[in-house]
Amino acid sequence: MRWNLRMTAAERGIWKSTELRRQLADAGLHISAGKMSGLWTGNPTTIRLDDLDVICSVLDCTTEDLLIREPDKVDAQRPATQEAVNETSSARVPRHGRNRTVPPA
């Protein structure tokens, strides 16, 4: 996912994080300057759903406007198939659950 707050805000005429921060505060969401900087300039690692709801309300947008899917990145991170793993490595792949592999003797 790509965080698209800055572009979404710009499309609505909000060019500075301080202006968005003021509008969020008017809507009841008080964000520290540091947290606002993180939301404005980068990809937040976490965001509360309640906060996201207020941001969407202030910007009159949806979560799809703020969170852009990146399926190419998902495909690139997908692990290789089990056959490819077996061909390239003789190491055992640990299994989870009841049928665990036995450690070497």
N, C-alpha and C. Protein backbone atom coordinates (compact mmCIF):
# COMPACT_ATOMS: atom_id res chain seq x y z
N MET A 1 0.83 -1.18 0.00
CA MET A 1 0.00 0.00 0.00
C MET A 1 0.88 1.24 0.00
N ARG A 2 0.39 2.24 -0.68
CA ARG A 2 1.07 3.53 -0.71
C ARG A 2 0.15 4.56 -0.08
N TRP A 3 0.69 5.34 0.83
CA TRP A 3 -0.05 6.38 1.54
C TRP A 3 -0.10 7.60 0.65
N ASN A 4 -1.30 8.13 0.39
CA ASN A 4 -1.50 9.18 -0.59
C ASN A 4 -2.14 10.42 0.02
N LEU A 5 -1.85 10.72 1.29
CA LEU A 5 -2.48 11.85 1.97
C LEU A 5 -2.12 13.18 1.31
N ARG A 6 -0.86 13.38 1.04
CA ARG A 6 -0.41 14.68 0.53
C ARG A 6 -1.07 15.01 -0.82
N MET A 7 -1.14 14.05 -1.72
CA MET A 7 -1.75 14.29 -3.03
C MET A 7 -3.26 14.49 -2.89
N THR A 8 -3.89 13.71 -2.04
CA THR A 8 -5.33 13.84 -1.83
C THR A 8 -5.66 15.22 -1.26
N ALA A 9 -4.85 15.69 -0.31
CA ALA A 9 -5.05 17.01 0.26
C ALA A 9 -4.83 18.09 -0.79
N ALA A 10 -3.80 17.94 -1.61
CA ALA A 10 -3.50 18.93 -2.65
C ALA A 10 -4.64 19.02 -3.65
N GLU A 11 -5.26 17.90 -3.97
CA GLU A 11 -6.39 17.91 -4.90
C GLU A 11 -7.57 18.69 -4.34
N ARG A 12 -7.57 18.88 -3.03
CA ARG A 12 -8.65 19.62 -2.38
C ARG A 12 -8.19 21.02 -1.93
N GLY A 13 -7.05 21.45 -2.45
CA GLY A 13 -6.57 22.80 -2.19
C GLY A 13 -5.83 22.98 -0.87
N ILE A 14 -5.44 21.90 -0.23
CA ILE A 14 -4.69 21.97 1.03
C ILE A 14 -3.24 21.66 0.70
N TRP A 15 -2.37 22.68 0.82
CA TRP A 15 -0.99 22.54 0.39
C TRP A 15 -0.01 22.42 1.54
N LYS A 16 -0.45 22.71 2.75
CA LYS A 16 0.45 22.66 3.91
C LYS A 16 -0.13 21.76 4.98
N SER A 17 0.77 21.03 5.64
CA SER A 17 0.33 20.12 6.70
C SER A 17 -0.30 20.88 7.86
N THR A 18 0.17 22.10 8.11
CA THR A 18 -0.40 22.89 9.20
C THR A 18 -1.86 23.23 8.94
N GLU A 19 -2.19 23.47 7.67
CA GLU A 19 -3.58 23.77 7.33
C GLU A 19 -4.46 22.56 7.54
N LEU A 20 -3.99 21.38 7.13
CA LEU A 20 -4.76 20.15 7.34
C LEU A 20 -4.87 19.85 8.83
N ARG A 21 -3.78 20.06 9.55
CA ARG A 21 -3.78 19.82 11.00
C ARG A 21 -4.83 20.69 11.69
N ARG A 22 -4.95 21.96 11.27
CA ARG A 22 -5.94 22.87 11.84
C ARG A 22 -7.36 22.38 11.53
N GLN A 23 -7.57 21.94 10.28
CA GLN A 23 -8.90 21.46 9.92
C GLN A 23 -9.25 20.17 10.66
N LEU A 24 -8.26 19.31 10.87
CA LEU A 24 -8.51 18.09 11.65
C LEU A 24 -8.85 18.44 13.10
N ALA A 25 -8.16 19.42 13.65
CA ALA A 25 -8.45 19.85 15.02
C ALA A 25 -9.86 20.43 15.11
N ASP A 26 -10.28 21.18 14.10
CA ASP A 26 -11.65 21.71 14.08
C ASP A 26 -12.68 20.59 14.05
N ALA A 27 -12.29 19.44 13.49
CA ALA A 27 -13.19 18.28 13.42
C ALA A 27 -13.07 17.38 14.64
N GLY A 28 -12.19 17.76 15.60
CA GLY A 28 -12.08 17.00 16.83
C GLY A 28 -10.88 16.07 16.91
N LEU A 29 -10.04 16.05 15.89
CA LEU A 29 -8.86 15.19 15.90
C LEU A 29 -7.63 16.05 16.11
N HIS A 30 -7.06 15.97 17.31
CA HIS A 30 -5.88 16.76 17.65
C HIS A 30 -4.65 15.89 17.46
N ILE A 31 -3.82 16.25 16.49
CA ILE A 31 -2.62 15.50 16.14
C ILE A 31 -1.40 16.34 16.49
N SER A 32 -0.41 15.70 17.09
CA SER A 32 0.83 16.42 17.41
C SER A 32 1.54 16.79 16.10
N ALA A 33 2.42 17.78 16.21
CA ALA A 33 3.17 18.22 15.02
C ALA A 33 4.03 17.08 14.47
N GLY A 34 4.61 16.29 15.35
CA GLY A 34 5.45 15.17 14.92
C GLY A 34 4.66 14.12 14.18
N LYS A 35 3.49 13.76 14.72
CA LYS A 35 2.66 12.75 14.06
C LYS A 35 2.13 13.28 12.73
N MET A 36 1.78 14.56 12.71
CA MET A 36 1.28 15.16 11.46
C MET A 36 2.38 15.16 10.41
N SER A 37 3.61 15.43 10.82
CA SER A 37 4.74 15.40 9.89
C SER A 37 4.90 14.00 9.30
N GLY A 38 4.77 12.98 10.13
CA GLY A 38 4.87 11.60 9.65
C GLY A 38 3.75 11.24 8.69
N LEU A 39 2.54 11.68 8.98
CA LEU A 39 1.42 11.41 8.09
C LEU A 39 1.58 12.14 6.76
N TRP A 40 2.12 13.35 6.83
CA TRP A 40 2.22 14.21 5.65
C TRP A 40 3.36 13.78 4.72
N THR A 41 4.48 13.37 5.29
CA THR A 41 5.67 13.14 4.48
C THR A 41 5.96 11.69 4.14
N GLY A 42 5.41 10.76 4.88
CA GLY A 42 5.80 9.38 4.64
C GLY A 42 4.65 8.41 4.69
N ASN A 43 5.01 7.16 4.83
CA ASN A 43 4.03 6.09 4.99
C ASN A 43 3.90 5.78 6.47
N PRO A 44 2.76 6.05 7.07
CA PRO A 44 2.61 5.73 8.49
C PRO A 44 2.60 4.21 8.69
N THR A 45 3.26 3.76 9.75
CA THR A 45 3.26 2.32 10.02
C THR A 45 1.94 1.90 10.63
N THR A 46 1.33 2.81 11.38
CA THR A 46 0.01 2.53 11.95
C THR A 46 -0.84 3.79 11.88
N ILE A 47 -2.13 3.60 11.80
CA ILE A 47 -3.07 4.70 11.89
C ILE A 47 -4.37 4.14 12.45
N ARG A 48 -4.92 4.83 13.41
CA ARG A 48 -6.17 4.37 14.00
C ARG A 48 -7.31 4.55 13.01
N LEU A 49 -8.22 3.61 13.00
CA LEU A 49 -9.35 3.69 12.07
C LEU A 49 -10.21 4.91 12.36
N ASP A 50 -10.36 5.28 13.63
CA ASP A 50 -11.12 6.48 13.97
C ASP A 50 -10.46 7.72 13.38
N ASP A 51 -9.12 7.77 13.45
CA ASP A 51 -8.39 8.90 12.87
C ASP A 51 -8.55 8.92 11.35
N LEU A 52 -8.48 7.76 10.74
CA LEU A 52 -8.65 7.66 9.29
C LEU A 52 -10.04 8.13 8.87
N ASP A 53 -11.03 7.82 9.68
CA ASP A 53 -12.39 8.25 9.41
C ASP A 53 -12.50 9.77 9.43
N VAL A 54 -11.86 10.41 10.41
CA VAL A 54 -11.89 11.88 10.50
C VAL A 54 -11.14 12.50 9.31
N ILE A 55 -9.99 11.94 8.96
CA ILE A 55 -9.22 12.45 7.83
C ILE A 55 -10.07 12.38 6.56
N CYS A 56 -10.74 11.25 6.35
CA CYS A 56 -11.59 11.11 5.17
C CYS A 56 -12.75 12.10 5.19
N SER A 57 -13.29 12.34 6.37
CA SER A 57 -14.39 13.29 6.49
C SER A 57 -13.92 14.71 6.17
N VAL A 58 -12.78 15.11 6.71
CA VAL A 58 -12.27 16.46 6.47
C VAL A 58 -11.91 16.66 5.00
N LEU A 59 -11.30 15.64 4.39
CA LEU A 59 -10.89 15.76 2.99
C LEU A 59 -12.00 15.39 2.01
N ASP A 60 -13.13 14.94 2.54
CA ASP A 60 -14.25 14.50 1.71
C ASP A 60 -13.76 13.49 0.68
N CYS A 61 -13.14 12.42 1.21
CA CYS A 61 -12.60 11.38 0.34
C CYS A 61 -12.90 10.01 0.95
N THR A 62 -12.45 8.98 0.28
CA THR A 62 -12.61 7.62 0.79
C THR A 62 -11.23 7.05 1.11
N THR A 63 -11.22 5.90 1.75
CA THR A 63 -9.94 5.25 2.05
C THR A 63 -9.20 4.87 0.77
N GLU A 64 -9.94 4.61 -0.31
CA GLU A 64 -9.29 4.28 -1.58
C GLU A 64 -8.48 5.46 -2.12
N ASP A 65 -8.85 6.69 -1.75
CA ASP A 65 -8.09 7.85 -2.15
C ASP A 65 -6.79 7.97 -1.36
N LEU A 66 -6.81 7.51 -0.12
CA LEU A 66 -5.65 7.64 0.76
C LEU A 66 -4.72 6.44 0.70
N LEU A 67 -5.26 5.27 0.46
CA LEU A 67 -4.46 4.04 0.44
C LEU A 67 -4.50 3.46 -0.97
N ILE A 68 -3.38 3.54 -1.66
CA ILE A 68 -3.29 3.08 -3.04
C ILE A 68 -2.68 1.68 -3.05
N ARG A 69 -3.41 0.73 -3.62
CA ARG A 69 -2.91 -0.65 -3.72
C ARG A 69 -1.73 -0.70 -4.67
N GLU A 70 -0.77 -1.56 -4.36
CA GLU A 70 0.39 -1.79 -5.22
C GLU A 70 0.57 -3.30 -5.42
N PRO A 71 -0.25 -3.90 -6.30
CA PRO A 71 -0.19 -5.35 -6.48
C PRO A 71 1.15 -5.86 -6.99
N ASP A 72 1.91 -5.05 -7.71
CA ASP A 72 3.22 -5.48 -8.20
C ASP A 72 4.17 -5.78 -7.04
N LYS A 73 4.09 -4.98 -5.98
CA LYS A 73 4.94 -5.22 -4.81
C LYS A 73 4.55 -6.52 -4.11
N VAL A 74 3.27 -6.81 -4.09
CA VAL A 74 2.80 -8.04 -3.46
C VAL A 74 3.32 -9.25 -4.23
N ASP A 75 3.24 -9.18 -5.55
CA ASP A 75 3.74 -10.29 -6.38
C ASP A 75 5.24 -10.48 -6.20
N ALA A 76 5.98 -9.39 -6.07
CA ALA A 76 7.43 -9.48 -5.91
C ALA A 76 7.81 -10.10 -4.56
N GLN A 77 6.96 -9.94 -3.55
CA GLN A 77 7.25 -10.48 -2.23
C GLN A 77 6.76 -11.90 -2.04
N ARG A 78 5.98 -12.38 -2.98
CA ARG A 78 5.41 -13.72 -2.87
C ARG A 78 6.54 -14.75 -2.86
N PRO A 79 6.52 -15.69 -1.92
CA PRO A 79 7.59 -16.70 -1.87
C PRO A 79 7.53 -17.61 -3.09
N ALA A 80 8.68 -18.19 -3.37
CA ALA A 80 8.77 -19.12 -4.50
C ALA A 80 7.92 -20.35 -4.21
N THR A 81 7.57 -21.08 -5.26
CA THR A 81 6.79 -22.30 -5.07
C THR A 81 7.63 -23.35 -4.35
N GLN A 82 7.00 -24.32 -3.76
CA GLN A 82 7.70 -25.34 -2.99
C GLN A 82 8.68 -26.13 -3.86
N GLU A 83 8.31 -26.39 -5.14
CA GLU A 83 9.23 -27.11 -6.01
C GLU A 83 10.50 -26.32 -6.24
N ALA A 84 10.39 -25.01 -6.42
CA ALA A 84 11.57 -24.18 -6.64
C ALA A 84 12.44 -24.14 -5.40
N VAL A 85 11.81 -24.14 -4.23
CA VAL A 85 12.58 -24.16 -2.98
C VAL A 85 13.33 -25.48 -2.86
N ASN A 86 12.67 -26.60 -3.18
CA ASN A 86 13.31 -27.91 -3.09
C ASN A 86 14.47 -28.04 -4.08
N GLU A 87 14.34 -27.45 -5.26
CA GLU A 87 15.39 -27.53 -6.25
C GLU A 87 16.61 -26.72 -5.86
N THR A 88 16.42 -25.57 -5.23
CA THR A 88 17.53 -24.68 -4.92
C THR A 88 18.11 -24.90 -3.55
N SER A 89 17.44 -25.65 -2.70
CA SER A 89 17.92 -25.80 -1.33
C SER A 89 17.61 -27.20 -0.83
N SER A 90 18.57 -27.76 -0.10
CA SER A 90 18.34 -29.07 0.49
C SER A 90 17.85 -28.94 1.92
N ALA A 91 17.75 -27.71 2.43
CA ALA A 91 17.29 -27.50 3.80
C ALA A 91 15.80 -27.79 3.89
N ARG A 92 15.39 -28.30 5.03
CA ARG A 92 13.99 -28.58 5.25
C ARG A 92 13.25 -27.29 5.59
N VAL A 93 12.03 -27.21 5.08
CA VAL A 93 11.17 -26.07 5.39
C VAL A 93 10.34 -26.46 6.61
N PRO A 94 10.46 -25.69 7.71
CA PRO A 94 9.69 -26.06 8.90
C PRO A 94 8.20 -25.91 8.65
N ARG A 95 7.45 -26.84 9.18
CA ARG A 95 6.01 -26.79 9.07
C ARG A 95 5.44 -26.41 10.43
N HIS A 96 4.34 -25.72 10.40
CA HIS A 96 3.70 -25.30 11.65
C HIS A 96 2.55 -26.24 11.97
N GLY A 97 2.31 -26.45 13.21
CA GLY A 97 1.21 -27.29 13.62
C GLY A 97 1.69 -28.62 14.19
N ARG A 98 0.85 -29.61 14.11
CA ARG A 98 1.15 -30.90 14.74
C ARG A 98 2.24 -31.68 14.04
N ASN A 99 2.32 -31.63 12.74
CA ASN A 99 3.27 -32.45 12.00
C ASN A 99 4.60 -31.73 11.81
N ARG A 100 5.25 -31.42 12.90
CA ARG A 100 6.53 -30.72 12.82
C ARG A 100 7.64 -31.68 12.47
N THR A 101 8.66 -31.13 11.83
CA THR A 101 9.81 -31.97 11.49
C THR A 101 10.61 -32.27 12.73
N VAL A 102 11.29 -33.39 12.71
CA VAL A 102 12.10 -33.83 13.85
C VAL A 102 13.49 -33.23 13.68
N PRO A 103 14.10 -32.68 14.75
CA PRO A 103 15.44 -32.14 14.63
C PRO A 103 16.43 -33.24 14.30
N PRO A 104 17.55 -32.89 13.65
CA PRO A 104 18.53 -33.91 13.30
C PRO A 104 19.13 -34.56 14.54
N ALA A 105 19.50 -35.84 14.40
CA ALA A 105 20.04 -36.59 15.54
C ALA A 105 21.49 -36.29 15.78
